[in-house]
Protein backbone atom coordinates (compact mmCIF):
# COMPACT_ATOMS: atom_id res chain seq x y z
CA MET A 1 -39.80 -124.59 66.23
CA ALA A 2 -43.38 -125.55 65.59
CA GLY A 3 -45.23 -122.68 63.96
CA THR A 4 -42.08 -120.67 63.15
CA TYR A 5 -41.15 -120.59 59.49
CA TRP A 6 -38.50 -118.70 57.59
CA THR A 7 -39.61 -117.31 54.23
CA ALA A 8 -38.04 -115.23 51.48
CA SER A 9 -39.71 -112.17 52.98
CA ASP A 10 -37.25 -112.58 55.89
CA LEU A 11 -34.28 -111.89 53.59
CA PRO A 12 -32.41 -108.73 54.60
CA ASN A 13 -31.45 -106.01 52.14
CA LEU A 14 -28.83 -107.64 49.91
CA SER A 15 -27.98 -104.60 47.78
CA GLU A 16 -24.31 -104.84 48.76
CA ARG A 17 -24.11 -108.55 47.86
CA ARG A 18 -23.39 -110.59 44.76
CA ALA A 19 -24.60 -114.20 44.47
CA VAL A 20 -23.93 -117.02 42.01
CA VAL A 21 -26.77 -119.55 41.80
CA THR A 22 -26.28 -122.82 39.92
CA GLY A 23 -29.24 -124.44 38.24
CA ALA A 24 -30.99 -121.09 38.11
CA SER A 25 -32.79 -121.60 34.81
CA GLY A 26 -35.65 -123.48 36.46
CA GLY A 27 -37.08 -125.07 39.56
CA LEU A 28 -35.69 -124.29 42.97
CA GLY A 29 -32.59 -122.59 41.55
CA GLU A 30 -34.75 -120.11 39.65
CA VAL A 31 -36.80 -119.36 42.77
CA ILE A 32 -33.66 -118.84 44.87
CA ALA A 33 -32.09 -116.57 42.24
CA GLY A 34 -35.30 -114.57 41.87
CA GLU A 35 -35.69 -114.04 45.61
CA LEU A 36 -32.04 -113.00 46.04
CA ALA A 37 -32.41 -110.52 43.17
CA ARG A 38 -35.69 -109.23 44.62
CA ALA A 39 -33.88 -108.63 47.91
CA GLY A 40 -31.30 -106.50 46.07
CA ALA A 41 -28.41 -108.87 45.36
CA THR A 42 -26.71 -108.83 41.98
CA VAL A 43 -27.32 -112.43 40.89
CA THR A 44 -25.39 -114.47 38.34
CA LEU A 45 -27.51 -117.31 36.99
CA ALA A 46 -25.02 -120.13 36.30
CA VAL A 47 -26.81 -122.39 33.83
CA ARG A 48 -26.28 -125.15 31.28
CA ASP A 49 -28.87 -123.76 28.85
CA MET A 50 -28.29 -120.07 28.12
CA VAL A 51 -31.67 -119.62 26.40
CA LYS A 52 -33.55 -120.99 29.42
CA GLY A 53 -31.31 -118.90 31.68
CA ARG A 54 -32.11 -115.68 29.82
CA VAL A 55 -35.83 -116.48 29.92
CA ALA A 56 -35.62 -117.09 33.67
CA ALA A 57 -33.63 -113.87 34.22
CA ALA A 58 -36.24 -111.90 32.26
CA ARG A 59 -38.88 -113.04 34.75
CA MET A 60 -36.87 -111.69 37.70
CA SER A 61 -36.81 -108.21 39.15
CA GLY A 62 -33.43 -106.82 40.12
CA ARG A 63 -29.91 -107.10 38.75
CA THR A 64 -29.08 -110.39 37.05
CA ASP A 65 -26.67 -111.76 34.50
CA VAL A 66 -26.56 -115.20 32.89
CA ARG A 67 -23.40 -117.24 32.38
CA PRO A 68 -22.86 -120.77 31.07
CA LEU A 69 -21.84 -123.43 33.60
CA ASP A 70 -22.18 -127.20 33.50
CA LEU A 71 -20.88 -128.60 36.79
CA ALA A 72 -20.51 -132.06 35.22
CA ASP A 73 -18.00 -130.69 32.69
CA LEU A 74 -14.63 -129.64 34.09
CA ALA A 75 -13.87 -127.55 30.99
CA SER A 76 -17.10 -125.63 31.59
CA VAL A 77 -16.18 -125.06 35.24
CA ARG A 78 -12.74 -123.79 34.21
CA ALA A 79 -14.25 -121.49 31.59
CA PHE A 80 -16.74 -120.11 34.11
CA ALA A 81 -13.95 -119.50 36.63
CA ALA A 82 -11.77 -117.77 34.03
CA ASP A 83 -14.69 -115.59 32.90
CA TRP A 84 -15.57 -114.81 36.52
CA THR A 85 -11.97 -113.86 37.27
CA THR A 86 -12.01 -111.45 34.33
CA HIS A 87 -15.56 -110.10 34.29
CA GLY A 88 -17.48 -111.15 37.40
CA ALA A 89 -14.83 -110.09 39.85
CA GLU A 90 -14.36 -106.76 38.08
CA ALA A 91 -18.11 -106.12 38.23
CA SER A 92 -18.05 -106.94 41.93
CA ARG A 93 -15.18 -104.52 42.56
CA ARG A 94 -17.02 -101.77 40.69
CA SER A 95 -20.15 -102.34 42.76
CA ALA A 96 -18.17 -102.27 46.04
CA SER A 97 -19.25 -105.80 46.86
CA TRP A 98 -15.94 -107.54 46.13
CA SER A 99 -15.65 -108.97 49.62
CA ARG A 100 -19.35 -109.77 49.82
CA SER A 101 -19.81 -112.37 47.10
CA SER A 102 -21.77 -115.53 47.79
CA SER A 103 -22.54 -118.63 45.82
CA VAL A 104 -25.49 -120.93 46.15
CA HIS A 105 -25.60 -124.49 44.93
CA HIS A 106 -29.09 -125.46 45.93
CA ARG A 107 -28.77 -129.21 45.50
CA PRO A 108 -26.05 -130.91 47.53
CA THR A 109 -25.53 -134.52 46.50
CA SER A 110 -25.42 -135.95 50.00
CA TRP A 111 -24.33 -135.10 53.52
CA THR A 112 -22.45 -137.08 56.14
CA PRO A 113 -23.82 -137.50 59.69
CA THR A 114 -21.39 -134.76 60.79
CA GLY A 115 -23.02 -132.30 58.40
CA SER A 116 -20.16 -132.03 55.92
CA PRO A 117 -20.57 -132.66 52.18
CA ALA A 118 -19.90 -136.24 51.15
CA ALA A 119 -18.10 -137.27 48.00
CA VAL A 120 -20.18 -138.15 44.95
CA THR A 121 -20.18 -141.91 44.58
CA PRO A 122 -20.59 -143.99 41.42
CA LYS A 123 -24.05 -144.93 42.75
CA ASP A 124 -24.95 -141.20 42.87
CA ARG A 125 -23.85 -140.80 39.27
CA ALA A 126 -25.98 -143.77 38.22
CA THR A 127 -29.11 -142.36 39.84
CA ALA A 128 -31.73 -141.44 37.23
CA GLY A 129 -31.88 -137.70 36.70
CA SER A 130 -28.54 -136.95 38.35
CA ARG A 131 -25.54 -135.64 36.44
């Protein structure tokens, strides 16, 4: 595919979609969330730092909300899921996108040769900068 590139401008109209993007308070996660929102999706920024998340959301055009989520903390994951079940799902039903929700975790830990996600190993956890 030399010379053929896919860019955010190739995103279709996502106005009937809802996306959850982890790590959306900065870096690649923020870019992904911003582009999905620009394309019309309602985007939930799932972040560890709510202040940084709100700042990132303010820089985006489109519909966004910010919710706390630390994927390294099971209690945080449970709280996010409970809040989503109560509030996020209800918002999706009201916007007629209940069956069209997506989530994006932009940083898989590792992949097997078959293309499936691999388990996180103790070595992965010990890697500087990983959580």
